[in-house]
Amino acid sequence: MDYTEENNGKANESHIQESEQPNTIANNKEIDVVAMSNLVAAVTVRYKTQIVIMAVIATAIIVALCVLLACTSFDFTQWYIYVVIIAMVFAGISIVCSITMLGMGMKIKPLQLVLLCVGTLLQAVILIMELQMILGGRSIEISEDDYALGAYMLYTSIIEIFLHMVQIMGILDK
């Protein structure tokens, strides 16, 4: 066996070893989907059937509006960095408010309602951006090879909107 045959054999072995390694990102997404499904089940069990049905209808309406807005000529993805910054600031404010309410041992329903409404609006804007990234032709796009990532992004955004809507309807029902 000469030098080139040895190197080709090693190259083939390393290629086989790389392809046999599990795709940890895909496995994490599968775990996330199962965990989110269990979270939805745990949250919806706490509410009346009418509230859950109204939340499903409200979520469907929001998603339909997001699809219509994603198909417009306006490029929402060019504002992506600003939405990320706003989302981080909102997350920080929400955490501080939640810890404060937990520390005081009381729930301030108007504050919870405002946080949920703002969170739902922010999630709807993110959904519009994700739809535009998937559709393409904008400043930020997802390649055709990343179809699983696109489906995962849509799933998580729609579930988040649904969870917010269930909580909003639950607060308004009491």
Protein backbone atom coordinates (compact mmCIF):
# COMPACT_ATOMS: atom_id res chain seq x y z
CA MET A 1 0.00 0.00 0.00
CA ASP A 2 1.46 3.33 -0.95
CA TYR A 3 1.12 6.72 0.70
CA THR A 4 -1.99 7.86 -1.25
CA GLU A 5 -3.90 4.67 -0.45
CA GLU A 6 -3.11 5.11 3.27
CA ASN A 7 -4.36 8.72 3.24
CA ASN A 8 -7.49 7.82 1.29
CA GLY A 9 -8.26 5.10 3.80
CA LYS A 10 -7.85 7.53 6.70
CA ALA A 11 -9.94 10.16 4.94
CA ASN A 12 -12.74 7.66 4.39
CA GLU A 13 -12.59 6.55 8.04
CA SER A 14 -12.81 10.15 9.29
CA HIS A 15 -15.74 10.81 6.92
CA ILE A 16 -17.56 7.77 8.27
CA GLN A 17 -16.88 8.81 11.86
CA GLU A 18 -18.22 12.33 11.21
CA SER A 19 -21.40 11.09 9.59
CA GLU A 20 -22.06 8.61 12.42
CA GLN A 21 -22.10 11.35 15.04
CA PRO A 22 -25.63 12.19 16.15
CA ASN A 23 -27.09 15.55 15.21
CA THR A 24 -27.41 17.10 18.67
CA ILE A 25 -29.19 20.22 17.41
CA ALA A 26 -31.97 18.13 15.86
CA ASN A 27 -32.20 16.05 19.04
CA ASN A 28 -32.52 19.22 21.14
CA LYS A 29 -35.36 20.44 18.92
CA GLU A 30 -37.17 17.14 19.35
CA ILE A 31 -36.81 17.42 23.13
CA ASP A 32 -38.03 21.03 23.00
CA VAL A 33 -41.11 20.06 20.98
CA VAL A 34 -42.02 17.29 23.44
CA ALA A 35 -41.41 19.61 26.41
CA MET A 36 -43.52 22.39 24.87
CA SER A 37 -46.32 19.94 24.15
CA ASN A 38 -46.29 18.83 27.78
CA LEU A 39 -46.24 22.48 28.88
CA VAL A 40 -49.28 23.25 26.74
CA ALA A 41 -51.08 20.25 28.20
CA ALA A 42 -50.21 21.30 31.76
CA VAL A 43 -51.33 24.90 31.20
CA THR A 44 -54.56 24.15 29.34
CA VAL A 45 -55.70 21.64 31.98
CA ARG A 46 -55.97 24.51 34.46
CA TYR A 47 -58.55 26.42 32.40
CA LYS A 48 -62.15 25.88 31.34
CA THR A 49 -62.82 24.36 27.93
CA GLN A 50 -64.44 27.58 26.65
CA ILE A 51 -61.30 29.56 27.50
CA VAL A 52 -59.07 27.11 25.67
CA ILE A 53 -61.35 27.14 22.60
CA MET A 54 -61.44 30.96 22.59
CA ALA A 55 -57.64 31.00 22.87
CA VAL A 56 -57.35 28.61 19.91
CA ILE A 57 -59.63 30.85 17.84
CA ALA A 58 -57.74 34.01 18.89
CA THR A 59 -54.42 32.32 18.07
CA ALA A 60 -55.73 31.29 14.64
CA ILE A 61 -56.81 34.87 13.95
CA ILE A 62 -53.44 36.26 15.04
CA VAL A 63 -51.55 33.72 12.91
CA ALA A 64 -53.75 34.51 9.89
CA LEU A 65 -53.05 38.24 10.31
CA CYS A 66 -49.33 37.51 10.64
CA VAL A 67 -49.40 35.49 7.41
CA LEU A 68 -51.14 38.36 5.61
CA LEU A 69 -48.63 40.87 6.97
CA ALA A 70 -45.71 38.61 6.04
CA CYS A 71 -46.90 38.63 2.43
CA THR A 72 -46.79 42.42 2.15
CA SER A 73 -43.96 44.26 0.43
CA PHE A 74 -42.71 45.77 3.71
CA ASP A 75 -39.53 44.06 4.93
CA PHE A 76 -39.93 43.40 8.65
CA THR A 77 -36.64 41.48 8.78
CA GLN A 78 -34.61 44.66 8.34
CA TRP A 79 -35.72 45.63 11.87
CA TYR A 80 -34.69 42.28 13.37
CA ILE A 81 -31.93 43.64 15.62
CA TYR A 82 -34.28 46.22 17.13
CA VAL A 83 -36.89 43.55 17.86
CA VAL A 84 -34.23 41.40 19.53
CA ILE A 85 -33.17 44.32 21.74
CA ILE A 86 -36.79 45.16 22.61
CA ALA A 87 -37.44 41.48 23.42
CA MET A 88 -34.40 41.35 25.74
CA VAL A 89 -35.45 44.52 27.55
CA PHE A 90 -39.02 43.22 27.83
CA ALA A 91 -37.77 39.89 29.20
CA GLY A 92 -35.73 41.74 31.83
CA ILE A 93 -38.70 43.88 32.86
CA SER A 94 -40.94 40.81 32.99
CA ILE A 95 -38.48 38.94 35.20
CA VAL A 96 -38.16 41.89 37.59
CA CYS A 97 -41.96 42.26 37.78
CA SER A 98 -42.44 38.52 38.34
CA ILE A 99 -39.82 38.35 41.08
CA THR A 100 -41.30 41.44 42.74
CA MET A 101 -44.82 39.96 42.70
CA LEU A 102 -43.46 36.65 43.99
CA GLY A 103 -41.50 38.40 46.74
CA MET A 104 -44.52 40.43 47.83
CA GLY A 105 -46.69 37.33 47.73
CA MET A 106 -49.41 38.93 45.64
CA LYS A 107 -50.57 38.92 42.05
CA ILE A 108 -51.16 42.22 40.32
CA LYS A 109 -53.58 41.16 37.59
CA PRO A 110 -53.49 44.41 35.58
CA LEU A 111 -49.68 44.19 35.44
CA GLN A 112 -49.86 40.52 34.40
CA LEU A 113 -52.39 41.40 31.72
CA VAL A 114 -50.23 44.21 30.34
CA LEU A 115 -47.13 41.98 30.29
CA LEU A 116 -49.04 39.19 28.51
CA CYS A 117 -50.52 41.58 25.93
CA VAL A 118 -47.16 43.17 25.18
CA GLY A 119 -45.54 39.72 25.04
CA THR A 120 -48.20 38.51 22.60
CA LEU A 121 -47.72 41.56 20.39
CA LEU A 122 -43.94 41.08 20.44
CA GLN A 123 -44.33 37.38 19.62
CA ALA A 124 -46.65 38.24 16.71
CA VAL A 125 -44.01 40.60 15.27
CA ILE A 126 -41.40 37.86 15.65
CA LEU A 127 -43.75 35.42 13.87
CA ILE A 128 -44.12 37.88 10.97
CA MET A 129 -40.33 38.13 10.71
CA GLU A 130 -39.93 34.35 10.82
CA LEU A 131 -42.53 33.94 8.08
CA GLN A 132 -40.71 36.48 5.91
CA MET A 133 -37.39 34.72 6.56
CA ILE A 134 -38.94 31.43 5.44
CA LEU A 135 -40.67 32.92 2.39
CA GLY A 136 -37.42 34.58 1.28
CA GLY A 137 -36.75 37.66 -0.79
CA ARG A 138 -36.02 39.80 2.29
CA SER A 139 -32.87 41.11 3.94
CA ILE A 140 -32.67 38.01 6.19
CA GLU A 141 -33.56 34.62 4.72
CA ILE A 142 -33.48 30.98 5.75
CA SER A 143 -32.03 28.65 3.12
CA GLU A 144 -34.07 25.86 1.61
CA ASP A 145 -31.91 23.32 3.46
CA ASP A 146 -33.07 24.70 6.82
CA TYR A 147 -36.70 23.63 6.46
CA ALA A 148 -36.62 21.87 9.84
CA LEU A 149 -35.39 25.05 11.52
CA GLY A 150 -38.18 27.03 9.84
CA ALA A 151 -40.83 24.57 11.01
CA TYR A 152 -39.39 24.62 14.54
CA MET A 153 -39.40 28.43 14.63
CA LEU A 154 -43.03 28.60 13.48
CA TYR A 155 -44.10 25.90 15.96
CA THR A 156 -42.50 27.61 18.96
CA SER A 157 -43.85 31.05 18.02
CA ILE A 158 -47.41 29.81 17.52
CA ILE A 159 -47.30 27.84 20.78
CA GLU A 160 -46.03 30.91 22.64
CA ILE A 161 -48.86 33.03 21.22
CA PHE A 162 -51.36 30.33 22.21
CA LEU A 163 -50.02 30.14 25.77
CA HIS A 164 -50.21 33.91 26.11
CA MET A 165 -53.77 33.92 24.77
CA VAL A 166 -54.86 31.19 27.21
CA GLN A 167 -53.42 33.16 30.12
CA ILE A 168 -55.00 36.42 28.93
CA MET A 169 -58.40 34.76 28.55
CA GLY A 170 -57.99 33.15 31.97
CA ILE A 171 -57.27 36.49 33.65
CA LEU A 172 -60.18 38.17 31.88
CA ASP A 173 -62.53 35.32 32.85
CA LYS A 174 -61.98 35.76 36.59
